[in-house]
């Protein structure tokens, strides 16, 4: 599961001169879905995580925390 560092992402979006709305529009993302992700009410899939990271010019690992649970046998 991917968990976003919402404060980092919001900071990067602002640093690039975008509002959430303009960032989502420029990168063809739903503002409501982006907002839901940034409010930690939904976790993005791998493709969306990559799109967000690419749009911000960072690596996925810079803005997402990976929660990998090992299967116990």
PDB file of N, CA and C in Angstrom:
ATOM      1  N   UNK A   1       0.848  -1.177   0.000  1.00  0.00           N
ATOM      2  CA  UNK A   1       0.000   0.000   0.000  1.00  0.00           C
ATOM      3  C   UNK A   1       0.895   1.242   0.000  1.00  0.00           C
ATOM      4  N   UNK A   2       0.447   2.264  -0.667  1.00  0.00           N
ATOM      5  CA  UNK A   2       1.170   3.533  -0.730  1.00  0.00           C
ATOM      6  C   UNK A   2       0.496   4.551   0.185  1.00  0.00           C
ATOM      7  N   UNK A   3       1.289   5.219   0.986  1.00  0.00           N
ATOM      8  CA  UNK A   3       0.764   6.305   1.809  1.00  0.00           C
ATOM      9  C   UNK A   3       1.533   7.563   1.439  1.00  0.00           C
ATOM     10  N   UNK A   4       0.802   8.597   1.127  1.00  0.00           N
ATOM     11  CA  UNK A   4       1.416   9.832   0.635  1.00  0.00           C
ATOM     12  C   UNK A   4       1.868  10.732   1.785  1.00  0.00           C
ATOM     13  N   UNK A   5       2.959  11.429   1.566  1.00  0.00           N
ATOM     14  CA  UNK A   5       3.414  12.475   2.481  1.00  0.00           C
ATOM     15  C   UNK A   5       2.732  13.759   1.995  1.00  0.00           C
ATOM     16  N   UNK A   6       1.519  13.975   2.490  1.00  0.00           N
ATOM     17  CA  UNK A   6       0.672  15.055   1.989  1.00  0.00           C
ATOM     18  C   UNK A   6       1.307  16.435   2.154  1.00  0.00           C
ATOM     19  N   UNK A   7       1.967  16.665   3.273  1.00  0.00           N
ATOM     20  CA  UNK A   7       2.591  17.980   3.479  1.00  0.00           C
ATOM     21  C   UNK A   7       3.693  18.228   2.459  1.00  0.00           C
ATOM     22  N   UNK A   8       4.484  17.202   2.188  1.00  0.00           N
ATOM     23  CA  UNK A   8       5.560  17.327   1.199  1.00  0.00           C
ATOM     24  C   UNK A   8       4.976  17.618  -0.183  1.00  0.00           C
ATOM     25  N   UNK A   9       3.936  16.888  -0.553  1.00  0.00           N
ATOM     26  CA  UNK A   9       3.325  17.070  -1.874  1.00  0.00           C
ATOM     27  C   UNK A   9       2.706  18.456  -1.994  1.00  0.00           C
ATOM     28  N   UNK A  10       1.980  18.880  -0.978  1.00  0.00           N
ATOM     29  CA  UNK A  10       1.386  20.223  -1.013  1.00  0.00           C
ATOM     30  C   UNK A  10       2.473  21.290  -1.149  1.00  0.00           C
ATOM     31  N   UNK A  11       3.581  21.094  -0.431  1.00  0.00           N
ATOM     32  CA  UNK A  11       4.700  22.033  -0.519  1.00  0.00           C
ATOM     33  C   UNK A  11       5.312  22.067  -1.909  1.00  0.00           C
ATOM     34  N   UNK A  12       5.488  20.891  -2.511  1.00  0.00           N
ATOM     35  CA  UNK A  12       6.060  20.822  -3.860  1.00  0.00           C
ATOM     36  C   UNK A  12       5.131  21.450  -4.897  1.00  0.00           C
ATOM     37  N   UNK A  13       3.834  21.219  -4.728  1.00  0.00           N
ATOM     38  CA  UNK A  13       2.855  21.817  -5.643  1.00  0.00           C
ATOM     39  C   UNK A  13       2.935  23.343  -5.547  1.00  0.00           C
ATOM     40  N   UNK A  14       2.962  23.864  -4.319  1.00  0.00           N
ATOM     41  CA  UNK A  14       3.043  25.316  -4.114  1.00  0.00           C
ATOM     42  C   UNK A  14       4.362  25.869  -4.649  1.00  0.00           C
ATOM     43  N   UNK A  15       5.448  25.138  -4.418  1.00  0.00           N
ATOM     44  CA  UNK A  15       6.769  25.586  -4.873  1.00  0.00           C
ATOM     45  C   UNK A  15       6.812  25.723  -6.392  1.00  0.00           C
ATOM     46  N   UNK A  16       6.051  24.886  -7.092  1.00  0.00           N
ATOM     47  CA  UNK A  16       5.995  24.957  -8.547  1.00  0.00           C
ATOM     48  C   UNK A  16       5.023  26.043  -9.015  1.00  0.00           C
ATOM     49  N   UNK A  17       4.362  26.716  -8.063  1.00  0.00           N
ATOM     50  CA  UNK A  17       3.477  27.820  -8.406  1.00  0.00           C
ATOM     51  C   UNK A  17       2.053  27.415  -8.735  1.00  0.00           C
ATOM     52  N   UNK A  18       1.679  26.206  -8.360  1.00  0.00           N
ATOM     53  CA  UNK A  18       0.338  25.712  -8.644  1.00  0.00           C
ATOM     54  C   UNK A  18      -0.555  25.789  -7.417  1.00  0.00           C
ATOM     55  N   UNK A  19      -1.842  25.915  -7.665  1.00  0.00           N
ATOM     56  CA  UNK A  19      -2.841  25.622  -6.648  1.00  0.00           C
ATOM     57  C   UNK A  19      -3.182  24.145  -6.869  1.00  0.00           C
ATOM     58  N   UNK A  20      -3.897  23.528  -5.950  1.00  0.00           N
ATOM     59  CA  UNK A  20      -4.286  22.127  -6.167  1.00  0.00           C
ATOM     60  C   UNK A  20      -5.119  21.999  -7.439  1.00  0.00           C
ATOM     61  N   UNK A  21      -6.015  22.951  -7.634  1.00  0.00           N
ATOM     62  CA  UNK A  21      -6.886  22.908  -8.817  1.00  0.00           C
ATOM     63  C   UNK A  21      -6.076  23.024 -10.105  1.00  0.00           C
ATOM     64  N   UNK A  22      -5.159  23.979 -10.164  1.00  0.00           N
ATOM     65  CA  UNK A  22      -4.381  24.154 -11.394  1.00  0.00           C
ATOM     66  C   UNK A  22      -3.432  22.978 -11.620  1.00  0.00           C
ATOM     67  N   UNK A  23      -2.875  22.423 -10.544  1.00  0.00           N
ATOM     68  CA  UNK A  23      -2.005  21.253 -10.669  1.00  0.00           C
ATOM     69  C   UNK A  23      -2.785  20.065 -11.223  1.00  0.00           C
ATOM     70  N   UNK A  24      -3.974  19.838 -10.674  1.00  0.00           N
ATOM     71  CA  UNK A  24      -4.774  18.699 -11.132  1.00  0.00           C
ATOM     72  C   UNK A  24      -5.205  18.890 -12.584  1.00  0.00           C
ATOM     73  N   UNK A  25      -5.584  20.106 -12.947  1.00  0.00           N
ATOM     74  CA  UNK A  25      -6.009  20.377 -14.321  1.00  0.00           C
ATOM     75  C   UNK A  25      -4.843  20.234 -15.294  1.00  0.00           C
ATOM     76  N   UNK A  26      -3.697  20.796 -14.951  1.00  0.00           N
ATOM     77  CA  UNK A  26      -2.506  20.739 -15.802  1.00  0.00           C
ATOM     78  C   UNK A  26      -2.045  19.299 -16.044  1.00  0.00           C
ATOM     79  N   UNK A  27      -2.277  18.439 -15.049  1.00  0.00           N
ATOM     80  CA  UNK A  27      -1.800  17.060 -15.127  1.00  0.00           C
ATOM     81  C   UNK A  27      -2.925  16.054 -15.351  1.00  0.00           C
ATOM     82  N   UNK A  28      -4.076  16.553 -15.785  1.00  0.00           N
ATOM     83  CA  UNK A  28      -5.223  15.719 -16.138  1.00  0.00           C
ATOM     84  C   UNK A  28      -5.608  14.744 -15.023  1.00  0.00           C
ATOM     85  N   UNK A  29      -5.762  15.309 -13.815  1.00  0.00           N
ATOM     86  CA  UNK A  29      -6.176  14.533 -12.652  1.00  0.00           C
ATOM     87  C   UNK A  29      -7.457  15.150 -12.103  1.00  0.00           C
ATOM     88  N   UNK A  30      -8.277  14.331 -11.521  1.00  0.00           N
ATOM     89  CA  UNK A  30      -9.486  14.827 -10.881  1.00  0.00           C
ATOM     90  C   UNK A  30      -9.105  15.574  -9.598  1.00  0.00           C
ATOM     91  N   UNK A  31      -9.564  16.809  -9.453  1.00  0.00           N
ATOM     92  CA  UNK A  31      -9.271  17.584  -8.246  1.00  0.00           C
ATOM     93  C   UNK A  31      -9.845  16.891  -7.021  1.00  0.00           C
ATOM     94  N   UNK A  32     -11.024  16.295  -7.156  1.00  0.00           N
ATOM     95  CA  UNK A  32     -11.626  15.638  -5.995  1.00  0.00           C
ATOM     96  C   UNK A  32     -10.817  14.408  -5.582  1.00  0.00           C
ATOM     97  N   UNK A  33     -10.320  13.642  -6.557  1.00  0.00           N
ATOM     98  CA  UNK A  33      -9.517  12.461  -6.228  1.00  0.00           C
ATOM     99  C   UNK A  33      -8.178  12.887  -5.628  1.00  0.00           C
ATOM    100  N   UNK A  34      -7.540  13.891  -6.204  1.00  0.00           N
ATOM    101  CA  UNK A  34      -6.271  14.381  -5.670  1.00  0.00           C
ATOM    102  C   UNK A  34      -6.462  14.880  -4.241  1.00  0.00           C
ATOM    103  N   UNK A  35      -7.517  15.618  -3.999  1.00  0.00           N
ATOM    104  CA  UNK A  35      -7.808  16.128  -2.665  1.00  0.00           C
ATOM    105  C   UNK A  35      -8.051  14.985  -1.681  1.00  0.00           C
ATOM    106  N   UNK A  36      -8.767  13.967  -2.119  1.00  0.00           N
ATOM    107  CA  UNK A  36      -9.027  12.797  -1.280  1.00  0.00           C
ATOM    108  C   UNK A  36      -7.721  12.104  -0.901  1.00  0.00           C
ATOM    109  N   UNK A  37      -6.812  11.984  -1.864  1.00  0.00           N
ATOM    110  CA  UNK A  37      -5.499  11.378  -1.605  1.00  0.00           C
ATOM    111  C   UNK A  37      -4.709  12.231  -0.615  1.00  0.00           C
ATOM    112  N   UNK A  38      -4.685  13.539  -0.840  1.00  0.00           N
ATOM    113  CA  UNK A  38      -3.904  14.434   0.015  1.00  0.00           C
ATOM    114  C   UNK A  38      -4.477  14.577   1.420  1.00  0.00           C
ATOM    115  N   UNK A  39      -5.737  14.233   1.589  1.00  0.00           N
ATOM    116  CA  UNK A  39      -6.362  14.241   2.913  1.00  0.00           C
ATOM    117  C   UNK A  39      -6.314  12.857   3.556  1.00  0.00           C
ATOM    118  N   UNK A  40      -5.530  11.958   2.950  1.00  0.00           N
ATOM    119  CA  UNK A  40      -5.348  10.586   3.438  1.00  0.00           C
ATOM    120  C   UNK A  40      -6.661   9.829   3.630  1.00  0.00           C
ATOM    121  N   UNK A  41      -7.616  10.103   2.739  1.00  0.00           N
ATOM    122  CA  UNK A  41      -8.882   9.380   2.764  1.00  0.00           C
ATOM    123  C   UNK A  41      -8.907   8.283   1.713  1.00  0.00           C
ATOM    124  N   UNK A  42      -7.894   8.278   0.844  1.00  0.00           N
ATOM    125  CA  UNK A  42      -7.747   7.238  -0.181  1.00  0.00           C
ATOM    126  C   UNK A  42      -6.264   7.088  -0.469  1.00  0.00           C
ATOM    127  N   UNK A  43      -5.884   5.896  -0.863  1.00  0.00           N
ATOM    128  CA  UNK A  43      -4.504   5.638  -1.256  1.00  0.00           C
ATOM    129  C   UNK A  43      -4.473   5.450  -2.766  1.00  0.00           C
ATOM    130  N   UNK A  44      -3.555   6.119  -3.428  1.00  0.00           N
ATOM    131  CA  UNK A  44      -3.493   5.995  -4.887  1.00  0.00           C
ATOM    132  C   UNK A  44      -2.911   4.654  -5.302  1.00  0.00           C
ATOM    133  N   UNK A  45      -3.297   4.226  -6.486  1.00  0.00           N
ATOM    134  CA  UNK A  45      -2.682   3.044  -7.067  1.00  0.00           C
ATOM    135  C   UNK A  45      -1.300   3.406  -7.575  1.00  0.00           C
ATOM    136  N   UNK A  46      -0.530   2.409  -7.968  1.00  0.00           N
ATOM    137  CA  UNK A  46       0.832   2.661  -8.452  1.00  0.00           C
ATOM    138  C   UNK A  46       0.911   3.623  -9.636  1.00  0.00           C
ATOM    139  N   UNK A  47      -0.030   3.523 -10.568  1.00  0.00           N
ATOM    140  CA  UNK A  47       0.006   4.406 -11.743  1.00  0.00           C
ATOM    141  C   UNK A  47      -0.225   5.863 -11.353  1.00  0.00           C
ATOM    142  N   UNK A  48      -1.194   6.095 -10.475  1.00  0.00           N
ATOM    143  CA  UNK A  48      -1.472   7.467 -10.039  1.00  0.00           C
ATOM    144  C   UNK A  48      -0.312   8.002  -9.213  1.00  0.00           C
ATOM    145  N   UNK A  49       0.269   7.166  -8.374  1.00  0.00           N
ATOM    146  CA  UNK A  49       1.426   7.590  -7.579  1.00  0.00           C
ATOM    147  C   UNK A  49       2.556   8.035  -8.501  1.00  0.00           C
ATOM    148  N   UNK A  50       2.796   7.279  -9.559  1.00  0.00           N
ATOM    149  CA  UNK A  50       3.850   7.625 -10.516  1.00  0.00           C
ATOM    150  C   UNK A  50       3.506   8.920 -11.240  1.00  0.00           C
ATOM    151  N   UNK A  51       2.242   9.101 -11.613  1.00  0.00           N
ATOM    152  CA  UNK A  51       1.828  10.335 -12.296  1.00  0.00           C
ATOM    153  C   UNK A  51       2.063  11.557 -11.415  1.00  0.00           C
ATOM    154  N   UNK A  52       1.721  11.440 -10.139  1.00  0.00           N
ATOM    155  CA  UNK A  52       1.915  12.562  -9.218  1.00  0.00           C
ATOM    156  C   UNK A  52       3.405  12.865  -9.072  1.00  0.00           C
ATOM    157  N   UNK A  53       4.200  11.823  -8.848  1.00  0.00           N
ATOM    158  CA  UNK A  53       5.649  12.012  -8.690  1.00  0.00           C
ATOM    159  C   UNK A  53       6.263  12.612  -9.951  1.00  0.00           C
ATOM    160  N   UNK A  54       5.895  12.077 -11.110  1.00  0.00           N
ATOM    161  CA  UNK A  54       6.433  12.597 -12.375  1.00  0.00           C
ATOM    162  C   UNK A  54       6.059  14.062 -12.577  1.00  0.00           C
ATOM    163  N   UNK A  55       4.808  14.407 -12.263  1.00  0.00           N
ATOM    164  CA  UNK A  55       4.346  15.787 -12.431  1.00  0.00           C
ATOM    165  C   UNK A  55       5.107  16.747 -11.517  1.00  0.00           C
ATOM    166  N   UNK A  56       5.564  16.235 -10.378  1.00  0.00           N
ATOM    167  CA  UNK A  56       6.311  17.068  -9.432  1.00  0.00           C
ATOM    168  C   UNK A  56       7.816  17.013  -9.672  1.00  0.00           C
ATOM    169  N   UNK A  57       8.229  16.124 -10.568  1.00  0.00           N
ATOM    170  CA  UNK A  57       9.653  16.007 -10.880  1.00  0.00           C
ATOM    171  C   UNK A  57      10.465  15.347  -9.780  1.00  0.00           C
ATOM    172  N   UNK A  58       9.828  14.428  -9.052  1.00  0.00           N
ATOM    173  CA  UNK A  58      10.512  13.721  -7.968  1.00  0.00           C
ATOM    174  C   UNK A  58      10.333  12.215  -8.150  1.00  0.00           C
ATOM    175  N   UNK A  59      11.062  11.456  -7.371  1.00  0.00           N
ATOM    176  CA  UNK A  59      10.907  10.002  -7.367  1.00  0.00           C
ATOM    177  C   UNK A  59       9.729   9.635  -6.473  1.00  0.00           C
ATOM    178  N   UNK A  60       9.080   8.524  -6.775  1.00  0.00           N
ATOM    179  CA  UNK A  60       7.951   8.067  -5.961  1.00  0.00           C
ATOM    180  C   UNK A  60       8.354   7.959  -4.491  1.00  0.00           C
ATOM    181  N   UNK A  61       9.549   7.443  -4.245  1.00  0.00           N
ATOM    182  CA  UNK A  61      10.024   7.248  -2.871  1.00  0.00           C
ATOM    183  C   UNK A  61      10.152   8.557  -2.093  1.00  0.00           C
ATOM    184  N   UNK A  62      10.254   9.674  -2.806  1.00  0.00           N
ATOM    185  CA  UNK A  62      10.385  10.974  -2.145  1.00  0.00           C
ATOM    186  C   UNK A  62       9.079  11.459  -1.525  1.00  0.00           C
ATOM    187  N   UNK A  63       7.956  10.993  -2.046  1.00  0.00           N
ATOM    188  CA  UNK A  63       6.669  11.510  -1.566  1.00  0.00           C
ATOM    189  C   UNK A  63       5.706  10.436  -1.074  1.00  0.00           C
ATOM    190  N   UNK A  64       6.095   9.180  -1.234  1.00  0.00           N
ATOM    191  CA  UNK A  64       5.241   8.089  -0.775  1.00  0.00           C
ATOM    192  C   UNK A  64       5.988   7.172   0.168  1.00  0.00           C
ATOM    193  N   UNK A  65       5.242   6.621   1.107  1.00  0.00           N
ATOM    194  CA  UNK A  65       5.761   5.629   2.028  1.00  0.00           C
ATOM    195  C   UNK A  65       5.131   4.301   1.616  1.00  0.00           C
ATOM    196  N   UNK A  66       5.946   3.298   1.481  1.00  0.00           N
ATOM    197  CA  UNK A  66       5.452   1.991   1.081  1.00  0.00           C
ATOM    198  C   UNK A  66       5.206   1.154   2.324  1.00  0.00           C
ATOM    199  N   UNK A  67       3.995   0.636   2.455  1.00  0.00           N
ATOM    200  CA  UNK A  67       3.638  -0.216   3.584  1.00  0.00           C
ATOM    201  C   UNK A  67       3.484  -1.629   3.043  1.00  0.00           C
ATOM    202  N   UNK A  68       4.543  -2.413   3.194  1.00  0.00           N
ATOM    203  CA  UNK A  68       4.532  -3.777   2.670  1.00  0.00           C
ATOM    204  C   UNK A  68       4.397  -4.732   3.843  1.00  0.00           C
ATOM    205  N   UNK A  69       3.330  -5.497   3.825  1.00  0.00           N
ATOM    206  CA  UNK A  69       3.101  -6.467   4.889  1.00  0.00           C
ATOM    207  C   UNK A  69       3.507  -7.843   4.386  1.00  0.00           C
ATOM    208  N   UNK A  70       4.346  -8.485   5.152  1.00  0.00           N
ATOM    209  CA  UNK A  70       4.788  -9.818   4.772  1.00  0.00           C
ATOM    210  C   UNK A  70       3.754 -10.840   5.211  1.00  0.00           C
ATOM    211  N   UNK A  71       3.580 -11.835   4.368  1.00  0.00           N
ATOM    212  CA  UNK A  71       2.659 -12.907   4.689  1.00  0.00           C
ATOM    213  C   UNK A  71       3.353 -13.858   5.645  1.00  0.00           C
ATOM    214  N   UNK A  72       2.706 -14.156   6.752  1.00  0.00           N
ATOM    215  CA  UNK A  72       3.262 -15.072   7.745  1.00  0.00           C
ATOM    216  C   UNK A  72       2.692 -16.449   7.482  1.00  0.00           C
ATOM    217  N   UNK A  73       3.594 -17.431   7.418  1.00  0.00           N
ATOM    218  CA  UNK A  73       3.136 -18.811   7.159  1.00  0.00           C
ATOM    219  C   UNK A  73       3.289 -19.658   8.381  1.00  0.00           C
TER     220      UNK A  73
END
